[in-house]
Amino acid sequence: MDTNWAAEHLQVIRTLMERSAVYRRALAPIMIFNGIVGLAAAAIGWKLEIGAPRAFVLFWTGVSMVAVAGSFLLVRRQALKETEAFWSPPTRRVTQALLPPLTAGFIISLAFVVTGAGAADGNRGGPLALAWLPLSWVVLYGCAFHAAGFFMPRGMKIFGWAFILGGCGLFAAGLPAGMPPADCAQAIMGLFFGGLHLAYGVYLYFTERRGNAT
């Protein structure tokens, strides 16, 4: 059993190393797509003044589902193009790395909704809790991508660190004075889940094109 597990583990590592260029190329459209979705959602949330805690969580849950569905379709298209199996051992390893932090984020969000942590109730932390929730998502999301970075191109670890350090930095600095918590929450989501995704996707796109030209 141990011998089979070690052989499978080595095969997964070998496959990931061989296909690192393919995964890097596939990441560019996924990151750009998620960046556009994140920026558009933040603008819509700000325009519609989605500030009620439950509405905020449900809104961004819906946005995340759109992002996941779009990413799935892009990955599936890339797998078909490269004549690869979609649910391959490397894909399973990456998924297993992502799951713990993302599950933690889901549980925190569920508790936030069930307990009414962002309600205007002094015992629940008041509306300021609404602005702190996205920072929790940001840090956990960064942890997820840093973990996945052990099975993907090195840049994914740096991408994960950008979320972790950025989220922790805002935790330490505190919220901007005079900015409504709801607006602050939408700005955080747009900056990290929109801006960072888009910036990384554009970087991957142009560096991949430059690498193909040489």
N, C-alpha and C. Protein backbone atom coordinates (compact mmCIF):
# COMPACT_ATOMS: atom_id res chain seq x y z
N MET A 1 0.84 -1.20 0.00
CA MET A 1 0.00 0.00 0.00
C MET A 1 0.87 1.25 0.00
N ASP A 2 1.92 1.29 0.88
CA ASP A 2 2.80 2.45 0.94
C ASP A 2 3.58 2.63 -0.35
N THR A 3 3.99 1.50 -0.95
CA THR A 3 4.73 1.56 -2.21
C THR A 3 3.87 2.14 -3.31
N ASN A 4 2.61 1.70 -3.38
CA ASN A 4 1.69 2.22 -4.39
C ASN A 4 1.43 3.71 -4.18
N TRP A 5 1.28 4.12 -2.92
CA TRP A 5 1.03 5.54 -2.63
C TRP A 5 2.22 6.37 -3.05
N ALA A 6 3.44 5.90 -2.74
CA ALA A 6 4.64 6.66 -3.10
C ALA A 6 4.80 6.76 -4.61
N ALA A 7 4.50 5.66 -5.31
CA ALA A 7 4.60 5.67 -6.77
C ALA A 7 3.60 6.65 -7.37
N GLU A 8 2.38 6.65 -6.82
CA GLU A 8 1.36 7.58 -7.33
C GLU A 8 1.77 9.02 -7.05
N HIS A 9 2.32 9.25 -5.85
CA HIS A 9 2.75 10.61 -5.48
C HIS A 9 3.85 11.11 -6.42
N LEU A 10 4.81 10.26 -6.71
CA LEU A 10 5.89 10.64 -7.62
C LEU A 10 5.37 10.90 -9.02
N GLN A 11 4.39 10.09 -9.45
CA GLN A 11 3.82 10.28 -10.78
C GLN A 11 3.08 11.61 -10.86
N VAL A 12 2.37 11.95 -9.80
CA VAL A 12 1.65 13.23 -9.77
C VAL A 12 2.64 14.39 -9.87
N ILE A 13 3.73 14.32 -9.09
CA ILE A 13 4.74 15.38 -9.12
C ILE A 13 5.35 15.50 -10.50
N ARG A 14 5.68 14.36 -11.11
CA ARG A 14 6.27 14.36 -12.45
C ARG A 14 5.31 14.97 -13.47
N THR A 15 4.04 14.60 -13.36
CA THR A 15 3.04 15.13 -14.29
C THR A 15 2.89 16.64 -14.13
N LEU A 16 2.87 17.11 -12.88
CA LEU A 16 2.73 18.54 -12.64
C LEU A 16 3.92 19.31 -13.18
N MET A 17 5.12 18.78 -13.03
CA MET A 17 6.31 19.45 -13.54
C MET A 17 6.29 19.49 -15.07
N GLU A 18 5.86 18.40 -15.69
CA GLU A 18 5.82 18.34 -17.14
C GLU A 18 4.79 19.30 -17.72
N ARG A 19 3.72 19.51 -16.99
CA ARG A 19 2.61 20.30 -17.53
C ARG A 19 2.54 21.69 -16.93
N SER A 20 3.58 22.13 -16.26
CA SER A 20 3.55 23.43 -15.61
C SER A 20 3.28 24.55 -16.60
N ALA A 21 3.86 24.44 -17.81
CA ALA A 21 3.63 25.47 -18.83
C ALA A 21 2.17 25.49 -19.27
N VAL A 22 1.58 24.28 -19.38
CA VAL A 22 0.17 24.20 -19.78
C VAL A 22 -0.72 24.82 -18.72
N TYR A 23 -0.43 24.52 -17.43
CA TYR A 23 -1.24 25.08 -16.36
C TYR A 23 -1.09 26.60 -16.28
N ARG A 24 0.12 27.07 -16.52
CA ARG A 24 0.35 28.52 -16.50
C ARG A 24 -0.46 29.20 -17.60
N ARG A 25 -0.50 28.58 -18.79
CA ARG A 25 -1.26 29.13 -19.90
C ARG A 25 -2.76 29.09 -19.60
N ALA A 26 -3.22 28.04 -18.94
CA ALA A 26 -4.64 27.92 -18.63
C ALA A 26 -5.06 28.91 -17.55
N LEU A 27 -4.12 29.29 -16.66
CA LEU A 27 -4.46 30.19 -15.56
C LEU A 27 -4.78 31.60 -16.02
N ALA A 28 -4.16 32.05 -17.09
CA ALA A 28 -4.34 33.43 -17.54
C ALA A 28 -5.82 33.77 -17.79
N PRO A 29 -6.54 33.01 -18.65
CA PRO A 29 -7.95 33.35 -18.86
C PRO A 29 -8.80 33.18 -17.61
N ILE A 30 -8.45 32.22 -16.76
CA ILE A 30 -9.23 32.01 -15.53
C ILE A 30 -9.08 33.21 -14.61
N MET A 31 -7.85 33.70 -14.43
CA MET A 31 -7.62 34.85 -13.57
C MET A 31 -8.26 36.11 -14.13
N ILE A 32 -8.15 36.30 -15.43
CA ILE A 32 -8.76 37.48 -16.05
C ILE A 32 -10.28 37.43 -15.90
N PHE A 33 -10.86 36.26 -16.13
CA PHE A 33 -12.32 36.10 -15.97
C PHE A 33 -12.75 36.42 -14.55
N ASN A 34 -12.05 35.85 -13.56
CA ASN A 34 -12.42 36.09 -12.17
C ASN A 34 -12.19 37.54 -11.77
N GLY A 35 -11.16 38.17 -12.33
CA GLY A 35 -10.93 39.57 -12.04
C GLY A 35 -12.06 40.45 -12.55
N ILE A 36 -12.51 40.19 -13.76
CA ILE A 36 -13.62 40.97 -14.33
C ILE A 36 -14.89 40.75 -13.51
N VAL A 37 -15.16 39.49 -13.15
CA VAL A 37 -16.34 39.19 -12.35
C VAL A 37 -16.27 39.90 -11.00
N GLY A 38 -15.09 39.87 -10.36
CA GLY A 38 -14.95 40.51 -9.06
C GLY A 38 -15.14 42.01 -9.11
N LEU A 39 -14.55 42.67 -10.10
CA LEU A 39 -14.70 44.11 -10.23
C LEU A 39 -16.14 44.50 -10.55
N ALA A 40 -16.75 43.75 -11.46
CA ALA A 40 -18.14 44.04 -11.83
C ALA A 40 -19.07 43.84 -10.64
N ALA A 41 -18.85 42.77 -9.87
CA ALA A 41 -19.71 42.49 -8.72
C ALA A 41 -19.55 43.57 -7.65
N ALA A 42 -18.32 44.02 -7.41
CA ALA A 42 -18.10 45.08 -6.43
C ALA A 42 -18.80 46.37 -6.84
N ALA A 43 -18.74 46.69 -8.14
CA ALA A 43 -19.41 47.89 -8.63
C ALA A 43 -20.92 47.77 -8.49
N ILE A 44 -21.44 46.58 -8.81
CA ILE A 44 -22.90 46.37 -8.68
C ILE A 44 -23.32 46.44 -7.21
N GLY A 45 -22.54 45.79 -6.34
CA GLY A 45 -22.86 45.81 -4.92
C GLY A 45 -22.84 47.21 -4.35
N TRP A 46 -21.87 48.02 -4.79
CA TRP A 46 -21.80 49.41 -4.33
C TRP A 46 -22.95 50.22 -4.88
N LYS A 47 -23.27 50.03 -6.17
CA LYS A 47 -24.34 50.79 -6.80
C LYS A 47 -25.70 50.47 -6.19
N LEU A 48 -25.93 49.20 -5.90
CA LEU A 48 -27.21 48.78 -5.33
C LEU A 48 -27.26 48.96 -3.82
N GLU A 49 -26.14 49.41 -3.24
CA GLU A 49 -26.04 49.64 -1.81
C GLU A 49 -26.38 48.37 -1.02
N ILE A 50 -25.74 47.27 -1.41
CA ILE A 50 -25.95 46.00 -0.70
C ILE A 50 -25.11 46.05 0.57
N GLY A 51 -25.76 46.43 1.65
CA GLY A 51 -25.05 46.60 2.91
C GLY A 51 -25.58 45.76 4.04
N ALA A 52 -26.79 45.19 3.88
CA ALA A 52 -27.31 44.30 4.92
C ALA A 52 -26.43 43.05 4.98
N PRO A 53 -26.05 42.61 6.17
CA PRO A 53 -25.11 41.50 6.30
C PRO A 53 -25.51 40.25 5.52
N ARG A 54 -26.74 39.79 5.69
CA ARG A 54 -27.16 38.57 5.00
C ARG A 54 -27.19 38.79 3.49
N ALA A 55 -27.64 39.96 3.07
CA ALA A 55 -27.68 40.26 1.64
C ALA A 55 -26.26 40.29 1.06
N PHE A 56 -25.33 40.83 1.82
CA PHE A 56 -23.94 40.90 1.37
C PHE A 56 -23.36 39.50 1.18
N VAL A 57 -23.56 38.64 2.18
CA VAL A 57 -23.02 37.28 2.10
C VAL A 57 -23.67 36.51 0.96
N LEU A 58 -24.98 36.61 0.84
CA LEU A 58 -25.68 35.89 -0.22
C LEU A 58 -25.29 36.41 -1.60
N PHE A 59 -25.12 37.72 -1.70
CA PHE A 59 -24.71 38.31 -2.98
C PHE A 59 -23.35 37.79 -3.41
N TRP A 60 -22.39 37.81 -2.52
CA TRP A 60 -21.04 37.37 -2.88
C TRP A 60 -20.94 35.86 -2.98
N THR A 61 -21.84 35.15 -2.31
CA THR A 61 -21.90 33.70 -2.53
C THR A 61 -22.33 33.40 -3.95
N GLY A 62 -23.33 34.15 -4.42
CA GLY A 62 -23.77 34.00 -5.80
C GLY A 62 -22.66 34.36 -6.78
N VAL A 63 -21.93 35.43 -6.47
CA VAL A 63 -20.81 35.84 -7.34
C VAL A 63 -19.76 34.74 -7.39
N SER A 64 -19.46 34.14 -6.24
CA SER A 64 -18.45 33.08 -6.21
C SER A 64 -18.88 31.87 -7.02
N MET A 65 -20.19 31.59 -7.02
CA MET A 65 -20.69 30.47 -7.83
C MET A 65 -20.52 30.75 -9.32
N VAL A 66 -20.76 31.99 -9.72
CA VAL A 66 -20.54 32.38 -11.12
C VAL A 66 -19.07 32.22 -11.47
N ALA A 67 -18.20 32.66 -10.57
CA ALA A 67 -16.76 32.58 -10.81
C ALA A 67 -16.30 31.13 -10.90
N VAL A 68 -16.80 30.28 -10.00
CA VAL A 68 -16.42 28.86 -10.02
C VAL A 68 -16.93 28.19 -11.28
N ALA A 69 -18.18 28.48 -11.66
CA ALA A 69 -18.74 27.87 -12.87
C ALA A 69 -17.96 28.29 -14.11
N GLY A 70 -17.63 29.57 -14.20
CA GLY A 70 -16.86 30.05 -15.35
C GLY A 70 -15.47 29.44 -15.37
N SER A 71 -14.83 29.34 -14.22
CA SER A 71 -13.50 28.73 -14.14
C SER A 71 -13.56 27.26 -14.54
N PHE A 72 -14.60 26.58 -14.10
CA PHE A 72 -14.77 25.16 -14.46
C PHE A 72 -14.87 24.99 -15.96
N LEU A 73 -15.64 25.85 -16.61
CA LEU A 73 -15.80 25.74 -18.06
C LEU A 73 -14.49 26.03 -18.78
N LEU A 74 -13.73 27.01 -18.27
CA LEU A 74 -12.44 27.32 -18.90
C LEU A 74 -11.45 26.18 -18.73
N VAL A 75 -11.42 25.58 -17.53
CA VAL A 75 -10.53 24.45 -17.30
C VAL A 75 -10.94 23.27 -18.16
N ARG A 76 -12.25 23.04 -18.23
CA ARG A 76 -12.75 21.92 -19.03
C ARG A 76 -12.39 22.11 -20.50
N ARG A 77 -12.50 23.32 -21.00
CA ARG A 77 -12.15 23.59 -22.39
C ARG A 77 -10.67 23.35 -22.63
N GLN A 78 -9.84 23.78 -21.66
CA GLN A 78 -8.40 23.57 -21.79
C GLN A 78 -8.07 22.08 -21.77
N ALA A 79 -8.76 21.32 -20.90
CA ALA A 79 -8.52 19.88 -20.83
C ALA A 79 -8.88 19.20 -22.14
N LEU A 80 -9.99 19.60 -22.74
CA LEU A 80 -10.39 19.01 -24.02
C LEU A 80 -9.40 19.38 -25.12
N LYS A 81 -8.93 20.62 -25.07
CA LYS A 81 -7.98 21.08 -26.08
C LYS A 81 -6.67 20.30 -26.00
N GLU A 82 -6.24 19.98 -24.77
CA GLU A 82 -4.99 19.26 -24.57
C GLU A 82 -5.21 17.75 -24.53
N THR A 83 -6.48 17.32 -24.79
CA THR A 83 -6.85 15.88 -24.74
C THR A 83 -6.42 15.25 -23.43
N GLU A 84 -6.72 15.93 -22.33
CA GLU A 84 -6.41 15.42 -21.00
C GLU A 84 -7.69 15.11 -20.25
N ALA A 85 -7.60 14.20 -19.30
CA ALA A 85 -8.73 13.94 -18.42
C ALA A 85 -8.89 15.12 -17.47
N PHE A 86 -10.14 15.52 -17.26
CA PHE A 86 -10.37 16.69 -16.40
C PHE A 86 -10.07 16.34 -14.94
N TRP A 87 -10.67 15.27 -14.41
CA TRP A 87 -10.51 14.91 -13.01
C TRP A 87 -9.33 13.96 -12.86
N SER A 88 -8.14 14.48 -13.13
CA SER A 88 -6.91 13.70 -13.10
C SER A 88 -6.33 13.71 -11.69
N PRO A 89 -5.35 12.83 -11.39
CA PRO A 89 -4.70 12.87 -10.06
C PRO A 89 -4.14 14.24 -9.69
N PRO A 90 -3.46 14.97 -10.61
CA PRO A 90 -3.01 16.33 -10.23
C PRO A 90 -4.16 17.26 -9.87
N THR A 91 -5.28 17.16 -10.61
CA THR A 91 -6.43 18.01 -10.30
C THR A 91 -6.97 17.69 -8.92
N ARG A 92 -6.99 16.42 -8.57
CA ARG A 92 -7.47 16.03 -7.24
C ARG A 92 -6.57 16.57 -6.16
N ARG A 93 -5.25 16.53 -6.39
CA ARG A 93 -4.32 17.05 -5.39
C ARG A 93 -4.51 18.55 -5.17
N VAL A 94 -4.66 19.28 -6.26
CA VAL A 94 -4.86 20.73 -6.15
C VAL A 94 -6.17 21.01 -5.42
N THR A 95 -7.22 20.27 -5.74
CA THR A 95 -8.52 20.45 -5.08
C THR A 95 -8.42 20.18 -3.60
N GLN A 96 -7.71 19.11 -3.22
CA GLN A 96 -7.54 18.78 -1.81
C GLN A 96 -6.77 19.87 -1.07
N ALA A 97 -5.82 20.51 -1.75
CA ALA A 97 -5.07 21.60 -1.13
C ALA A 97 -5.95 22.83 -0.91
N LEU A 98 -6.85 23.08 -1.84
CA LEU A 98 -7.71 24.26 -1.75
C LEU A 98 -8.81 24.12 -0.71
N LEU A 99 -9.29 22.91 -0.50
CA LEU A 99 -10.51 22.71 0.27
C LEU A 99 -10.49 23.20 1.72
N PRO A 100 -9.47 22.90 2.53
CA PRO A 100 -9.55 23.29 3.96
C PRO A 100 -9.77 24.79 4.19
N PRO A 101 -8.96 25.69 3.59
CA PRO A 101 -9.22 27.12 3.83
C PRO A 101 -10.56 27.59 3.26
N LEU A 102 -10.93 27.07 2.09
CA LEU A 102 -12.20 27.48 1.50
C LEU A 102 -13.37 26.98 2.33
N THR A 103 -13.25 25.79 2.90
CA THR A 103 -14.30 25.28 3.78
C THR A 103 -14.41 26.14 5.03
N ALA A 104 -13.26 26.56 5.57
CA ALA A 104 -13.28 27.44 6.74
C ALA A 104 -13.99 28.75 6.42
N GLY A 105 -13.73 29.31 5.23
CA GLY A 105 -14.40 30.53 4.82
C GLY A 105 -15.90 30.35 4.70
N PHE A 106 -16.31 29.20 4.19
CA PHE A 106 -17.75 28.92 4.07
C PHE A 106 -18.41 28.82 5.44
N ILE A 107 -17.74 28.14 6.38
CA ILE A 107 -18.31 27.98 7.72
C ILE A 107 -18.41 29.33 8.43
N ILE A 108 -17.37 30.16 8.29
CA ILE A 108 -17.41 31.49 8.89
C ILE A 108 -18.56 32.31 8.32
N SER A 109 -18.76 32.23 7.01
CA SER A 109 -19.85 32.96 6.37
C SER A 109 -21.20 32.47 6.86
N LEU A 110 -21.32 31.14 6.99
CA LEU A 110 -22.58 30.56 7.47
C LEU A 110 -22.87 31.02 8.89
N ALA A 111 -21.84 31.01 9.73
CA ALA A 111 -22.02 31.48 11.11
C ALA A 111 -22.39 32.96 11.15
N PHE A 112 -21.79 33.73 10.25
CA PHE A 112 -22.07 35.16 10.16
C PHE A 112 -23.54 35.41 9.85
N VAL A 113 -24.08 34.61 8.92
CA VAL A 113 -25.48 34.77 8.54
C VAL A 113 -26.41 34.27 9.64
N VAL A 114 -26.12 33.11 10.19
CA VAL A 114 -27.00 32.50 11.18
C VAL A 114 -27.05 33.31 12.47
N THR A 115 -25.90 33.81 12.92
CA THR A 115 -25.86 34.54 14.19
C THR A 115 -26.18 36.02 14.02
N GLY A 116 -26.22 36.50 12.78
CA GLY A 116 -26.47 37.92 12.55
C GLY A 116 -25.34 38.79 13.06
N ALA A 117 -24.09 38.35 12.79
CA ALA A 117 -22.93 39.03 13.37
C ALA A 117 -22.76 40.45 12.86
N GLY A 118 -23.35 40.79 11.72
CA GLY A 118 -23.18 42.14 11.22
C GLY A 118 -24.37 43.03 11.45
N ALA A 119 -25.31 42.56 12.24
CA ALA A 119 -26.50 43.36 12.50
C ALA A 119 -26.16 44.53 13.40
N ALA A 120 -27.02 45.52 13.42
CA ALA A 120 -26.79 46.71 14.25
C ALA A 120 -27.13 46.41 15.70
N ASP A 121 -26.52 45.37 16.20
CA ASP A 121 -26.74 44.92 17.57
C ASP A 121 -25.40 44.99 18.27
N GLY A 122 -25.31 45.80 19.28
CA GLY A 122 -24.04 45.99 19.94
C GLY A 122 -23.42 44.69 20.43
N ASN A 123 -24.25 43.71 20.78
CA ASN A 123 -23.73 42.44 21.26
C ASN A 123 -23.14 41.60 20.15
N ARG A 124 -23.43 41.95 18.90
CA ARG A 124 -22.95 41.17 17.76
C ARG A 124 -21.79 41.84 17.04
N GLY A 125 -21.38 42.97 17.50
CA GLY A 125 -20.24 43.62 16.86
C GLY A 125 -20.64 44.76 15.95
N GLY A 126 -21.93 44.93 15.70
CA GLY A 126 -22.38 46.04 14.88
C GLY A 126 -22.00 45.90 13.43
N PRO A 127 -22.32 46.91 12.63
CA PRO A 127 -22.05 46.85 11.20
C PRO A 127 -20.57 46.79 10.85
N LEU A 128 -19.67 47.14 11.78
CA LEU A 128 -18.25 47.04 11.48
C LEU A 128 -17.85 45.61 11.15
N ALA A 129 -18.59 44.64 11.70
CA ALA A 129 -18.29 43.23 11.42
C ALA A 129 -18.41 42.93 9.94
N LEU A 130 -19.27 43.68 9.24
CA LEU A 130 -19.46 43.46 7.82
C LEU A 130 -18.19 43.75 7.04
N ALA A 131 -17.40 44.72 7.50
CA ALA A 131 -16.16 45.05 6.80
C ALA A 131 -15.04 44.07 7.14
N TRP A 132 -15.10 43.47 8.34
CA TRP A 132 -14.04 42.52 8.72
C TRP A 132 -14.23 41.17 8.06
N LEU A 133 -15.46 40.80 7.72
CA LEU A 133 -15.71 39.49 7.10
C LEU A 133 -14.95 39.33 5.79
N PRO A 134 -14.99 40.29 4.85
CA PRO A 134 -14.23 40.12 3.61
C PRO A 134 -12.74 39.92 3.83
N LEU A 135 -12.17 40.54 4.87
CA LEU A 135 -10.75 40.35 5.14
C LEU A 135 -10.47 38.92 5.57
N SER A 136 -11.41 38.31 6.28
CA SER A 136 -11.26 36.90 6.62
C SER A 136 -11.26 36.05 5.35
N TRP A 137 -12.17 36.37 4.44
CA TRP A 137 -12.20 35.65 3.16
C TRP A 137 -10.88 35.83 2.41
N VAL A 138 -10.37 37.05 2.41
CA VAL A 138 -9.14 37.34 1.68
C VAL A 138 -7.98 36.50 2.21
N VAL A 139 -7.81 36.47 3.53
CA VAL A 139 -6.70 35.73 4.13
C VAL A 139 -6.84 34.23 3.87
N LEU A 140 -8.05 33.69 4.05
CA LEU A 140 -8.26 32.26 3.84
C LEU A 140 -8.09 31.89 2.36
N TYR A 141 -8.53 32.77 1.49
CA TYR A 141 -8.36 32.54 0.05
C TYR A 141 -6.87 32.50 -0.31
N GLY A 142 -6.12 33.41 0.30
CA GLY A 142 -4.67 33.41 0.08
C GLY A 142 -4.03 32.12 0.58
N CYS A 143 -4.48 31.63 1.74
CA CYS A 143 -3.96 30.37 2.26
C CYS A 143 -4.27 29.22 1.31
N ALA A 144 -5.46 29.24 0.71
CA ALA A 144 -5.85 28.18 -0.21
C ALA A 144 -4.94 28.17 -1.43
N PHE A 145 -4.67 29.33 -1.99
CA PHE A 145 -3.84 29.38 -3.19
C PHE A 145 -2.37 29.11 -2.87
N HIS A 146 -1.93 29.50 -1.68
CA HIS A 146 -0.56 29.17 -1.30
C HIS A 146 -0.40 27.66 -1.18
N ALA A 147 -1.40 26.99 -0.61
CA ALA A 147 -1.34 25.53 -0.51
C ALA A 147 -1.36 24.89 -1.90
N ALA A 148 -2.20 25.41 -2.78
CA ALA A 148 -2.26 24.87 -4.14
C ALA A 148 -0.97 25.13 -4.90
N GLY A 149 -0.24 26.15 -4.49
CA GLY A 149 1.01 26.50 -5.16
C GLY A 149 2.08 25.43 -5.07
N PHE A 150 1.94 24.50 -4.13
CA PHE A 150 2.89 23.41 -4.04
C PHE A 150 2.71 22.41 -5.19
N PHE A 151 1.57 22.48 -5.89
CA PHE A 151 1.29 21.57 -7.00
C PHE A 151 1.14 22.30 -8.32
N MET A 152 1.42 23.61 -8.33
CA MET A 152 1.21 24.42 -9.51
C MET A 152 2.43 25.33 -9.70
N PRO A 153 2.42 26.18 -10.74
CA PRO A 153 3.56 27.09 -10.93
C PRO A 153 3.86 27.93 -9.69
N ARG A 154 5.13 28.30 -9.52
CA ARG A 154 5.60 29.00 -8.32
C ARG A 154 4.84 30.30 -8.07
N GLY A 155 4.39 30.95 -9.14
CA GLY A 155 3.70 32.22 -8.98
C GLY A 155 2.44 32.13 -8.15
N MET A 156 1.84 30.93 -8.05
CA MET A 156 0.62 30.78 -7.26
C MET A 156 0.90 31.01 -5.78
N LYS A 157 2.08 30.63 -5.31
CA LYS A 157 2.42 30.89 -3.91
C LYS A 157 2.54 32.40 -3.66
N ILE A 158 3.17 33.09 -4.59
CA ILE A 158 3.31 34.55 -4.45
C ILE A 158 1.94 35.20 -4.49
N PHE A 159 1.09 34.71 -5.39
CA PHE A 159 -0.28 35.22 -5.48
C PHE A 159 -1.01 35.01 -4.16
N GLY A 160 -0.85 33.82 -3.57
CA GLY A 160 -1.47 33.56 -2.27
C GLY A 160 -0.95 34.48 -1.19
N TRP A 161 0.38 34.71 -1.19
CA TRP A 161 0.97 35.61 -0.18
C TRP A 161 0.44 37.04 -0.33
N ALA A 162 0.15 37.47 -1.55
CA ALA A 162 -0.39 38.82 -1.76
C ALA A 162 -1.72 38.97 -1.03
N PHE A 163 -2.55 37.93 -1.08
CA PHE A 163 -3.83 37.97 -0.36
C PHE A 163 -3.60 37.92 1.15
N ILE A 164 -2.72 37.02 1.59
CA ILE A 164 -2.50 36.86 3.03
C ILE A 164 -1.94 38.14 3.65
N LEU A 165 -0.88 38.68 3.05
CA LEU A 165 -0.26 39.88 3.60
C LEU A 165 -1.15 41.11 3.45
N GLY A 166 -1.85 41.18 2.30
CA GLY A 166 -2.76 42.31 2.11
C GLY A 166 -3.90 42.30 3.10
N GLY A 167 -4.50 41.13 3.30
CA GLY A 167 -5.60 41.02 4.26
C GLY A 167 -5.14 41.30 5.68
N CYS A 168 -4.01 40.71 6.08
CA CYS A 168 -3.50 40.94 7.43
C CYS A 168 -3.08 42.41 7.62
N GLY A 169 -2.54 43.00 6.55
CA GLY A 169 -2.14 44.40 6.63
C GLY A 169 -3.33 45.31 6.88
N LEU A 170 -4.44 45.03 6.20
CA LEU A 170 -5.64 45.84 6.43
C LEU A 170 -6.24 45.59 7.80
N PHE A 171 -6.14 44.35 8.28
CA PHE A 171 -6.57 44.06 9.65
C PHE A 171 -5.79 44.94 10.63
N ALA A 172 -4.48 45.02 10.43
CA ALA A 172 -3.62 45.78 11.35
C ALA A 172 -3.84 47.28 11.22
N ALA A 173 -4.04 47.76 9.98
CA ALA A 173 -4.18 49.20 9.75
C ALA A 173 -5.54 49.72 10.18
N GLY A 174 -6.56 48.86 10.13
CA GLY A 174 -7.91 49.30 10.48
C GLY A 174 -8.64 49.87 9.28
N LEU A 175 -9.91 50.13 9.46
CA LEU A 175 -10.75 50.63 8.38
C LEU A 175 -10.53 52.12 8.16
N PRO A 176 -10.67 52.59 6.92
CA PRO A 176 -10.53 54.02 6.64
C PRO A 176 -11.54 54.84 7.44
N ALA A 177 -11.10 55.90 8.04
CA ALA A 177 -11.99 56.74 8.84
C ALA A 177 -13.03 57.41 7.95
N GLY A 178 -14.26 57.37 8.39
CA GLY A 178 -15.33 58.04 7.67
C GLY A 178 -15.93 57.26 6.52
N MET A 179 -15.41 56.08 6.23
CA MET A 179 -15.94 55.27 5.13
C MET A 179 -16.96 54.29 5.68
N PRO A 180 -18.19 54.28 5.15
CA PRO A 180 -19.20 53.34 5.65
C PRO A 180 -18.71 51.90 5.54
N PRO A 181 -18.96 51.07 6.55
CA PRO A 181 -18.49 49.67 6.51
C PRO A 181 -18.94 48.92 5.27
N ALA A 182 -20.17 49.16 4.80
CA ALA A 182 -20.66 48.45 3.62
C ALA A 182 -19.83 48.82 2.39
N ASP A 183 -19.54 50.11 2.24
CA ASP A 183 -18.71 50.55 1.11
C ASP A 183 -17.29 49.98 1.23
N CYS A 184 -16.79 49.94 2.45
CA CYS A 184 -15.46 49.39 2.69
C CYS A 184 -15.42 47.91 2.32
N ALA A 185 -16.47 47.19 2.67
CA ALA A 185 -16.53 45.76 2.36
C ALA A 185 -16.53 45.53 0.85
N GLN A 186 -17.32 46.31 0.12
CA GLN A 186 -17.36 46.17 -1.33
C GLN A 186 -16.01 46.54 -1.95
N ALA A 187 -15.36 47.56 -1.40
CA ALA A 187 -14.06 47.98 -1.92
C ALA A 187 -13.00 46.89 -1.71
N ILE A 188 -13.04 46.25 -0.55
CA ILE A 188 -12.10 45.15 -0.27
C ILE A 188 -12.30 44.02 -1.27
N MET A 189 -13.56 43.66 -1.51
CA MET A 189 -13.84 42.57 -2.45
C MET A 189 -13.39 42.94 -3.86
N GLY A 190 -13.66 44.17 -4.25
CA GLY A 190 -13.25 44.59 -5.59
C GLY A 190 -11.74 44.65 -5.75
N LEU A 191 -11.05 45.14 -4.71
CA LEU A 191 -9.60 45.27 -4.77
C LEU A 191 -8.92 43.90 -4.86
N PHE A 192 -9.29 43.00 -3.97
CA PHE A 192 -8.60 41.72 -3.91
C PHE A 192 -9.14 40.72 -4.94
N PHE A 193 -10.43 40.47 -4.90
CA PHE A 193 -10.98 39.43 -5.77
C PHE A 193 -11.19 39.92 -7.20
N GLY A 194 -11.19 41.23 -7.38
CA GLY A 194 -11.25 41.77 -8.73
C GLY A 194 -9.90 42.20 -9.23
N GLY A 195 -9.31 43.19 -8.55
CA GLY A 195 -8.06 43.79 -9.02
C GLY A 195 -6.88 42.83 -9.05
N LEU A 196 -6.68 42.07 -7.98
CA LEU A 196 -5.53 41.17 -7.94
C LEU A 196 -5.65 40.04 -8.96
N HIS A 197 -6.85 39.49 -9.09
CA HIS A 197 -7.04 38.45 -10.11
C HIS A 197 -6.75 38.99 -11.50
N LEU A 198 -7.29 40.16 -11.79
CA LEU A 198 -7.11 40.73 -13.12
C LEU A 198 -5.63 41.05 -13.38
N ALA A 199 -4.96 41.63 -12.41
CA ALA A 199 -3.54 41.97 -12.58
C ALA A 199 -2.70 40.72 -12.81
N TYR A 200 -2.96 39.67 -12.05
CA TYR A 200 -2.18 38.44 -12.21
C TYR A 200 -2.50 37.77 -13.54
N GLY A 201 -3.76 37.81 -13.95
CA GLY A 201 -4.14 37.23 -15.24
C GLY A 201 -3.48 37.95 -16.41
N VAL A 202 -3.46 39.27 -16.36
CA VAL A 202 -2.81 40.05 -17.43
C VAL A 202 -1.31 39.77 -17.45
N TYR A 203 -0.72 39.68 -16.26
CA TYR A 203 0.71 39.36 -16.19
C TYR A 203 0.99 37.99 -16.82
N LEU A 204 0.19 36.99 -16.48
CA LEU A 204 0.38 35.66 -17.05
C LEU A 204 0.19 35.67 -18.56
N TYR A 205 -0.79 36.42 -19.02
CA TYR A 205 -1.10 36.46 -20.45
C TYR A 205 0.08 37.01 -21.24
N PHE A 206 0.63 38.13 -20.80
CA PHE A 206 1.70 38.76 -21.57
C PHE A 206 3.03 38.03 -21.41
N THR A 207 3.32 37.50 -20.22
CA THR A 207 4.56 36.75 -20.07
C THR A 207 4.51 35.45 -20.85
N GLU A 208 3.32 34.84 -20.96
CA GLU A 208 3.20 33.61 -21.74
C GLU A 208 3.38 33.89 -23.22
N ARG A 209 2.82 34.99 -23.69
CA ARG A 209 2.99 35.37 -25.10
C ARG A 209 4.45 35.68 -25.40
N ARG A 210 5.12 36.36 -24.45
CA ARG A 210 6.52 36.70 -24.66
C ARG A 210 7.38 35.44 -24.67
N GLY A 211 6.99 34.46 -23.80
CA GLY A 211 7.74 33.21 -23.79
C GLY A 211 7.55 32.41 -25.05
N ASN A 212 6.36 32.45 -25.63
CA ASN A 212 6.11 31.72 -26.87
C ASN A 212 6.82 32.36 -28.06
N ALA A 213 7.06 33.69 -27.97
CA ALA A 213 7.68 34.40 -29.09
C ALA A 213 9.18 34.15 -29.16
N THR A 214 9.80 33.74 -28.02
CA THR A 214 11.24 33.55 -28.01
C THR A 214 11.61 32.15 -28.48
